[in-house]
């Protein structure tokens, strides 16, 4: 009797529930602990995976040209991308530091002056009148104007320093992500197999199709949205430096943020062009204005070429992805957000359409 009753006690509903609860709790503890340990590296790893997926066609072409030497091809892609990010960042960062140091020096010596607005300012629309008045007041008595707006200047200065510091850290994170992405490219076959297995595990038989759609979407969004934004920003930065615009690195940073958000570089580059007419000679200002218009319109040419068919996402999705990423994860998440949110948007649409087709068949 005792031998027969013991198995019943072991497999009672209460005992089974307690055992399942303990297993789930232990599993949740392990998963939560792993996430806590890896949380500082989540952004780096996600961006590294995005870089690896987006650059795989280039890596595959180089590997073929290098006789199948995948490690050498991965190293070439890694070094090239790192230099593409690092060299402009160093150049523009150096110009920004020099500009701030110059402004600080001439302000301390009392030599800092704001040039008065030209006659063209009088023809500005009424909505821009406060800006013109502030400009005129600062040109007449800079010290008094700065004292009047000292609280606002202090808040703006603190935000600006925080933005520059976060951007510097973000660039280092980008370099780290590129290096990790290069390592992933070296093991691309194994990584691709794991990715497909994960999608199959999550989505069943359609997992492989979801994996292919994810790869195509990531590549097209990186090229068509981030690629165009970076290209526009570099062109704008070149114009700022060549035209001798003060604090060229700062305006370039603002252009990058707005371009990724799909607002475009016009809100930065066109006011700078107007400023150039008030402070520079007509030839330089006119050439810069023509360059500014070409840079502003360049996305209309580049996007249809780089953004593949079926990868388009509403501007609101990209905008929310970039804003949300920037707020939650800083500079590097400014790039991750649009890719991840666009990918989620595409997969959601495909899931809804597949559900509707199944219901129609039934």
Protein backbone atom coordinates (compact mmCIF):
# COMPACT_ATOMS: atom_id res chain seq x y z
CA UNK A 1 0.00 0.00 0.00
CA UNK A 2 2.81 2.42 0.90
CA UNK A 3 4.65 1.75 -2.39
CA UNK A 4 1.49 2.40 -4.39
CA UNK A 5 0.57 5.60 -2.58
CA UNK A 6 3.99 7.27 -2.83
CA UNK A 7 3.90 7.75 -6.63
CA UNK A 8 0.43 9.25 -6.30
CA UNK A 9 1.76 11.79 -3.80
CA UNK A 10 4.67 12.65 -6.06
CA UNK A 11 2.44 13.29 -9.05
CA UNK A 12 -0.38 15.07 -7.25
CA UNK A 13 -1.67 18.30 -8.91
CA UNK A 14 -0.39 20.47 -6.06
CA UNK A 15 3.07 18.92 -6.17
CA UNK A 16 3.25 19.26 -9.95
CA UNK A 17 2.19 22.93 -9.77
CA UNK A 18 4.81 23.65 -7.12
CA UNK A 19 7.51 21.93 -9.18
CA UNK A 20 6.57 23.85 -12.33
CA UNK A 21 6.52 27.14 -10.38
CA UNK A 22 9.99 26.48 -8.98
CA UNK A 23 11.38 25.62 -12.43
CA UNK A 24 9.84 28.72 -14.00
CA UNK A 25 11.13 30.90 -11.15
CA UNK A 26 14.66 29.52 -11.48
CA UNK A 27 14.56 29.94 -15.27
CA UNK A 28 13.26 33.53 -14.92
CA UNK A 29 16.01 34.25 -12.38
CA UNK A 30 18.71 32.97 -14.72
CA UNK A 31 17.30 34.83 -17.75
CA UNK A 32 16.90 38.05 -15.75
CA UNK A 33 20.40 37.73 -14.34
CA UNK A 34 21.87 37.16 -17.81
CA UNK A 35 20.00 40.20 -19.14
CA UNK A 36 21.23 42.32 -16.23
CA UNK A 37 24.82 41.30 -16.94
CA UNK A 38 24.50 41.91 -20.68
CA UNK A 39 22.37 45.09 -20.48
CA UNK A 40 25.35 47.49 -20.87
CA UNK A 41 26.23 45.75 -24.14
CA UNK A 42 22.76 45.33 -25.64
CA UNK A 43 22.98 48.41 -27.88
CA UNK A 44 26.45 47.46 -29.09
CA UNK A 45 25.44 43.89 -29.89
CA UNK A 46 22.18 44.87 -31.61
CA UNK A 47 23.93 47.48 -33.76
CA UNK A 48 26.74 44.99 -34.49
CA UNK A 49 24.18 42.47 -35.74
CA UNK A 50 22.54 45.16 -37.89
CA UNK A 51 25.93 46.15 -39.34
CA UNK A 52 26.83 42.53 -40.04
CA UNK A 53 23.53 41.86 -41.83
CA UNK A 54 23.64 45.12 -43.80
CA UNK A 55 27.27 44.71 -44.90
CA UNK A 56 27.09 41.00 -45.72
CA UNK A 57 26.68 41.54 -49.51
CA UNK A 58 29.84 43.68 -49.53
CA UNK A 59 31.63 41.12 -47.37
CA UNK A 60 30.55 38.28 -49.68
CA UNK A 61 31.85 40.14 -52.75
CA UNK A 62 35.21 40.86 -51.10
CA UNK A 63 35.52 37.27 -49.92
CA UNK A 64 35.02 36.05 -53.46
CA UNK A 65 37.61 38.48 -54.83
CA UNK A 66 40.08 37.49 -52.09
CA UNK A 67 39.87 33.83 -52.96
CA UNK A 68 37.50 32.75 -50.22
CA UNK A 69 39.51 34.26 -47.35
CA UNK A 70 36.60 35.28 -45.16
CA UNK A 71 38.65 36.52 -42.20
CA UNK A 72 40.60 38.93 -44.43
CA UNK A 73 37.40 40.17 -46.05
CA UNK A 74 35.82 40.75 -42.64
CA UNK A 75 38.90 42.64 -41.45
CA UNK A 76 38.83 44.82 -44.59
CA UNK A 77 35.16 45.71 -44.06
CA UNK A 78 35.79 46.44 -40.37
CA UNK A 79 38.76 48.75 -40.99
CA UNK A 80 37.00 50.55 -43.87
CA UNK A 81 33.82 51.22 -41.87
CA UNK A 82 35.81 52.30 -38.81
CA UNK A 83 37.79 54.83 -40.84
CA UNK A 84 34.59 56.03 -42.51
CA UNK A 85 33.20 56.91 -39.09
CA UNK A 86 36.39 57.90 -37.29
CA UNK A 87 38.07 60.28 -39.76
CA UNK A 88 35.08 62.65 -40.29
CA UNK A 89 34.36 62.54 -36.55
CA UNK A 90 37.93 63.55 -35.69
CA UNK A 91 37.98 66.29 -38.32
CA UNK A 92 34.62 67.79 -37.41
CA UNK A 93 35.24 67.30 -33.69
CA UNK A 94 38.54 69.14 -34.02
CA UNK A 95 36.87 72.04 -35.80
CA UNK A 96 34.21 72.17 -33.08
CA UNK A 97 36.80 72.26 -30.29
CA UNK A 98 38.81 74.93 -32.08
CA UNK A 99 35.69 77.02 -32.61
CA UNK A 100 34.67 76.80 -28.95
CA UNK A 101 38.19 77.65 -27.79
CA UNK A 102 38.32 80.61 -30.16
CA UNK A 103 34.95 81.92 -28.97
CA UNK A 104 35.99 81.50 -25.33
CA UNK A 105 39.25 83.39 -25.90
CA UNK A 106 37.76 86.35 -27.72
CA UNK A 107 34.88 86.54 -25.23
CA UNK A 108 37.30 86.67 -22.28
CA UNK A 109 39.35 89.39 -23.98
CA UNK A 110 36.22 91.37 -24.90
CA UNK A 111 36.83 90.96 -28.62
CA UNK A 112 33.73 88.87 -29.25
CA UNK A 113 31.25 90.79 -31.35
CA UNK A 114 28.12 89.79 -33.19
CA UNK A 115 27.91 91.31 -36.68
CA UNK A 116 24.75 93.41 -37.13
CA UNK A 117 22.02 91.95 -39.33
CA UNK A 118 21.96 93.14 -42.91
CA UNK A 119 19.19 94.99 -44.67
CA UNK A 120 17.74 91.67 -45.86
CA UNK A 121 16.60 90.94 -42.29
CA UNK A 122 13.97 93.67 -42.52
CA UNK A 123 12.18 91.69 -45.21
CA UNK A 124 11.92 88.56 -43.04
CA UNK A 125 8.37 87.41 -42.20
CA UNK A 126 6.77 88.58 -38.95
CA UNK A 127 7.27 85.19 -37.30
CA UNK A 128 11.05 85.70 -37.51
CA UNK A 129 10.94 89.21 -36.01
CA UNK A 130 11.93 88.06 -32.45
CA UNK A 131 15.02 86.39 -33.89
CA UNK A 132 15.95 89.54 -35.81
CA UNK A 133 15.42 91.70 -32.72
CA UNK A 134 17.57 89.40 -30.60
CA UNK A 135 20.28 89.41 -33.26
CA UNK A 136 20.21 93.22 -33.43
CA UNK A 137 20.31 93.53 -29.64
CA UNK A 138 23.26 91.13 -29.38
CA UNK A 139 25.16 93.03 -32.07
CA UNK A 140 24.70 96.32 -30.21
CA UNK A 141 25.48 95.11 -26.67
CA UNK A 142 26.45 91.46 -26.37
CA UNK A 143 27.13 91.52 -22.63
CA UNK A 144 23.75 92.97 -21.83
CA UNK A 145 21.99 90.47 -24.10
CA UNK A 146 23.82 87.53 -22.51
CA UNK A 147 22.99 88.80 -19.02
CA UNK A 148 19.34 89.16 -19.98
CA UNK A 149 19.14 85.58 -21.24
CA UNK A 150 21.63 84.05 -18.78
CA UNK A 151 19.26 81.32 -17.42
CA UNK A 152 18.30 80.18 -20.91
CA UNK A 153 21.94 80.24 -22.04
CA UNK A 154 22.96 78.17 -19.02
CA UNK A 155 20.29 75.54 -19.70
CA UNK A 156 21.13 75.43 -23.42
CA UNK A 157 24.85 75.22 -22.65
CA UNK A 158 24.36 72.31 -20.26
CA UNK A 159 22.21 70.46 -22.79
CA UNK A 160 24.77 71.14 -25.50
CA UNK A 161 27.66 69.84 -23.42
CA UNK A 162 25.65 66.73 -22.58
CA UNK A 163 24.85 66.21 -26.27
CA UNK A 164 28.49 66.58 -27.32
CA UNK A 165 29.66 64.23 -24.55
CA UNK A 166 27.02 61.66 -25.46
CA UNK A 167 27.95 61.91 -29.11
CA UNK A 168 31.63 61.30 -28.35
CA UNK A 169 30.72 58.20 -26.35
CA UNK A 170 28.32 57.13 -29.09
CA UNK A 171 31.05 57.33 -31.74
CA UNK A 172 33.27 55.07 -29.62
CA UNK A 173 30.32 52.68 -29.27
CA UNK A 174 29.85 52.75 -33.03
CA UNK A 175 33.48 51.76 -33.52
CA UNK A 176 33.04 48.96 -30.99
CA UNK A 177 29.90 47.76 -32.78
CA UNK A 178 31.73 47.78 -36.12
CA UNK A 179 34.49 45.62 -34.64
CA UNK A 180 31.94 43.18 -33.18
CA UNK A 181 30.09 43.21 -36.51
CA UNK A 182 33.33 42.31 -38.29
CA UNK A 183 33.78 39.35 -35.97
CA UNK A 184 30.21 38.26 -36.70
CA UNK A 185 30.93 38.49 -40.44
CA UNK A 186 33.83 36.10 -39.95
CA UNK A 187 31.33 33.56 -38.59
CA UNK A 188 28.44 34.59 -40.82
CA UNK A 189 27.41 31.06 -41.84
CA UNK A 190 27.08 29.86 -38.26
CA UNK A 191 25.34 33.09 -37.24
CA UNK A 192 22.91 32.89 -40.13
CA UNK A 193 21.98 29.31 -39.23
CA UNK A 194 21.36 30.31 -35.61
CA UNK A 195 19.22 33.26 -36.71
CA UNK A 196 17.04 31.04 -38.89
CA UNK A 197 16.68 28.49 -36.07
CA UNK A 198 15.55 31.25 -33.69
CA UNK A 199 12.93 32.50 -36.16
CA UNK A 200 11.71 28.95 -36.82
CA UNK A 201 11.46 28.36 -33.10
CA UNK A 202 9.44 31.55 -32.64
CA UNK A 203 7.27 31.51 -35.79
CA UNK A 204 7.14 27.86 -36.78
CA UNK A 205 7.24 26.93 -40.46
CA UNK A 206 7.18 30.58 -41.57
CA UNK A 207 10.23 31.39 -39.46
CA UNK A 208 12.64 31.03 -42.38
CA UNK A 209 10.54 33.47 -44.46
CA UNK A 210 10.48 35.95 -41.57
CA UNK A 211 14.27 35.66 -41.30
CA UNK A 212 14.69 36.48 -45.01
CA UNK A 213 12.28 39.41 -44.75
CA UNK A 214 14.15 40.70 -41.70
CA UNK A 215 17.50 40.60 -43.51
CA UNK A 216 16.12 42.40 -46.58
CA UNK A 217 14.38 45.05 -44.47
CA UNK A 218 17.48 45.73 -42.36
CA UNK A 219 19.72 46.09 -45.42
CA UNK A 220 17.33 48.38 -47.26
CA UNK A 221 16.60 50.59 -44.25
CA UNK A 222 20.29 50.92 -43.38
CA UNK A 223 21.07 51.93 -46.96
CA UNK A 224 17.99 53.98 -47.73
CA UNK A 225 17.52 55.81 -44.43
CA UNK A 226 20.76 55.77 -42.46
CA UNK A 227 23.00 55.73 -45.52
CA UNK A 228 21.26 58.74 -47.07
CA UNK A 229 21.31 60.58 -43.72
CA UNK A 230 25.05 60.02 -43.28
CA UNK A 231 25.78 61.01 -46.90
CA UNK A 232 23.73 64.21 -46.55
CA UNK A 233 25.46 65.03 -43.28
CA UNK A 234 28.93 64.57 -44.74
CA UNK A 235 28.06 66.80 -47.69
CA UNK A 236 26.64 69.44 -45.36
CA UNK A 237 29.75 69.23 -43.16
CA UNK A 238 32.03 69.70 -46.15
CA UNK A 239 30.06 72.82 -47.11
CA UNK A 240 30.30 74.22 -43.57
CA UNK A 241 34.07 73.69 -43.40
CA UNK A 242 34.86 75.00 -46.90
CA UNK A 243 32.67 78.09 -46.42
CA UNK A 244 34.31 78.81 -43.06
CA UNK A 245 31.11 78.56 -41.01
CA UNK A 246 31.83 78.95 -37.27
CA UNK A 247 31.31 75.80 -35.16
CA UNK A 248 30.98 73.65 -38.30
CA UNK A 249 31.16 70.43 -36.25
CA UNK A 250 28.18 71.42 -34.10
CA UNK A 251 25.95 72.23 -37.09
CA UNK A 252 27.01 68.98 -38.73
CA UNK A 253 25.96 67.06 -35.62
CA UNK A 254 22.54 68.73 -35.68
CA UNK A 255 22.23 67.89 -39.40
CA UNK A 256 22.97 64.22 -38.65
CA UNK A 257 20.31 64.02 -35.93
CA UNK A 258 17.63 65.69 -38.06
CA UNK A 259 18.55 63.67 -41.16
CA UNK A 260 18.21 60.35 -39.31
CA UNK A 261 14.85 61.54 -37.96
CA UNK A 262 13.79 62.14 -41.59
CA UNK A 263 13.27 65.86 -40.91
CA UNK A 264 16.15 66.63 -43.25
CA UNK A 265 19.10 69.00 -43.06
CA UNK A 266 17.17 72.04 -44.33
CA UNK A 267 16.28 73.43 -40.85
CA UNK A 268 20.02 73.77 -40.15
CA UNK A 269 21.73 74.35 -43.47
CA UNK A 270 19.35 76.96 -44.91
CA UNK A 271 19.47 79.34 -41.89
CA UNK A 272 23.26 79.03 -42.00
CA UNK A 273 23.11 80.03 -45.68
CA UNK A 274 21.08 83.12 -44.73
CA UNK A 275 23.61 83.90 -42.01
CA UNK A 276 26.41 83.68 -44.56
CA UNK A 277 24.78 86.45 -46.64
CA UNK A 278 24.90 88.72 -43.59
CA UNK A 279 28.51 87.98 -42.60
CA UNK A 280 30.36 86.89 -45.74
CA UNK A 281 30.90 88.14 -49.28
CA UNK A 282 28.19 87.61 -51.87
CA UNK A 283 30.15 85.05 -53.93
CA UNK A 284 30.90 82.78 -50.97
CA UNK A 285 27.36 83.05 -49.65
CA UNK A 286 25.85 82.34 -53.08
CA UNK A 287 28.05 79.30 -53.66
CA UNK A 288 27.17 77.98 -50.21
CA UNK A 289 23.46 78.55 -50.89
CA UNK A 290 23.65 76.56 -54.14
CA UNK A 291 25.52 73.79 -52.31
CA UNK A 292 22.92 73.86 -49.53
CA UNK A 293 20.04 73.46 -51.97
CA UNK A 294 21.78 70.53 -53.69
CA UNK A 295 22.45 68.82 -50.35
CA UNK A 296 18.87 69.38 -49.21
CA UNK A 297 17.44 67.85 -52.40
CA UNK A 298 19.94 64.98 -52.57
CA UNK A 299 17.73 62.61 -50.54
CA UNK A 300 15.09 62.75 -53.28
CA UNK A 301 17.66 61.19 -55.62
CA UNK A 302 19.43 58.83 -53.22
CA UNK A 303 16.43 57.31 -51.45
CA UNK A 304 14.73 55.78 -54.51
CA UNK A 305 18.08 54.25 -55.48
CA UNK A 306 19.11 52.87 -52.08
CA UNK A 307 15.75 52.09 -50.48
CA UNK A 308 14.62 48.78 -51.96
CA UNK A 309 11.11 47.97 -52.99
CA UNK A 310 8.89 46.80 -50.17
CA UNK A 311 11.14 48.27 -47.48
CA UNK A 312 9.43 51.64 -47.26
CA UNK A 313 8.04 52.58 -43.89
CA UNK A 314 5.90 55.57 -42.95
CA UNK A 315 7.91 58.60 -41.91
CA UNK A 316 6.18 58.48 -38.52
CA UNK A 317 7.64 55.02 -37.83
CA UNK A 318 11.17 56.17 -38.64
CA UNK A 319 10.71 59.42 -36.72
CA UNK A 320 9.41 57.68 -33.60
CA UNK A 321 12.12 55.06 -33.84
CA UNK A 322 14.91 57.63 -33.99
CA UNK A 323 13.40 59.87 -31.27
CA UNK A 324 12.64 56.94 -28.96
CA UNK A 325 16.03 55.38 -29.55
CA UNK A 326 17.85 58.65 -28.90
CA UNK A 327 15.95 59.27 -25.66
CA UNK A 328 16.31 55.76 -24.28
CA UNK A 329 19.74 54.74 -25.56
CA UNK A 330 21.65 57.88 -26.54
CA UNK A 331 23.52 58.57 -29.76
CA UNK A 332 24.05 54.98 -30.93
CA UNK A 333 20.35 54.17 -30.42
CA UNK A 334 19.53 57.06 -32.76
CA UNK A 335 20.59 54.66 -35.53
CA UNK A 336 19.24 51.46 -33.98
CA UNK A 337 15.74 52.80 -33.30
CA UNK A 338 14.57 53.35 -36.90
CA UNK A 339 15.90 49.96 -38.01
CA UNK A 340 14.31 48.01 -35.15
CA UNK A 341 10.97 49.83 -35.29
CA UNK A 342 10.76 49.54 -39.08
CA UNK A 343 11.56 45.83 -38.83
CA UNK A 344 8.86 45.37 -36.20
CA UNK A 345 6.41 47.32 -38.35
CA UNK A 346 7.11 45.16 -41.40
CA UNK A 347 6.87 41.88 -39.47
CA UNK A 348 3.62 43.03 -37.85
CA UNK A 349 2.08 43.81 -41.25
CA UNK A 350 3.17 40.43 -42.61
CA UNK A 351 1.72 38.67 -39.55
CA UNK A 352 -1.62 40.50 -39.92
CA UNK A 353 -1.79 39.71 -43.64
CA UNK A 354 -0.97 36.04 -43.04
CA UNK A 355 -3.69 35.80 -40.38
CA UNK A 356 -6.22 37.38 -42.74
CA UNK A 357 -5.27 35.02 -45.57
CA UNK A 358 -5.65 32.00 -43.30
CA UNK A 359 -9.11 33.15 -42.23
CA UNK A 360 -10.09 33.73 -45.89
CA UNK A 361 -8.99 30.18 -46.79
CA UNK A 362 -11.01 28.74 -43.94
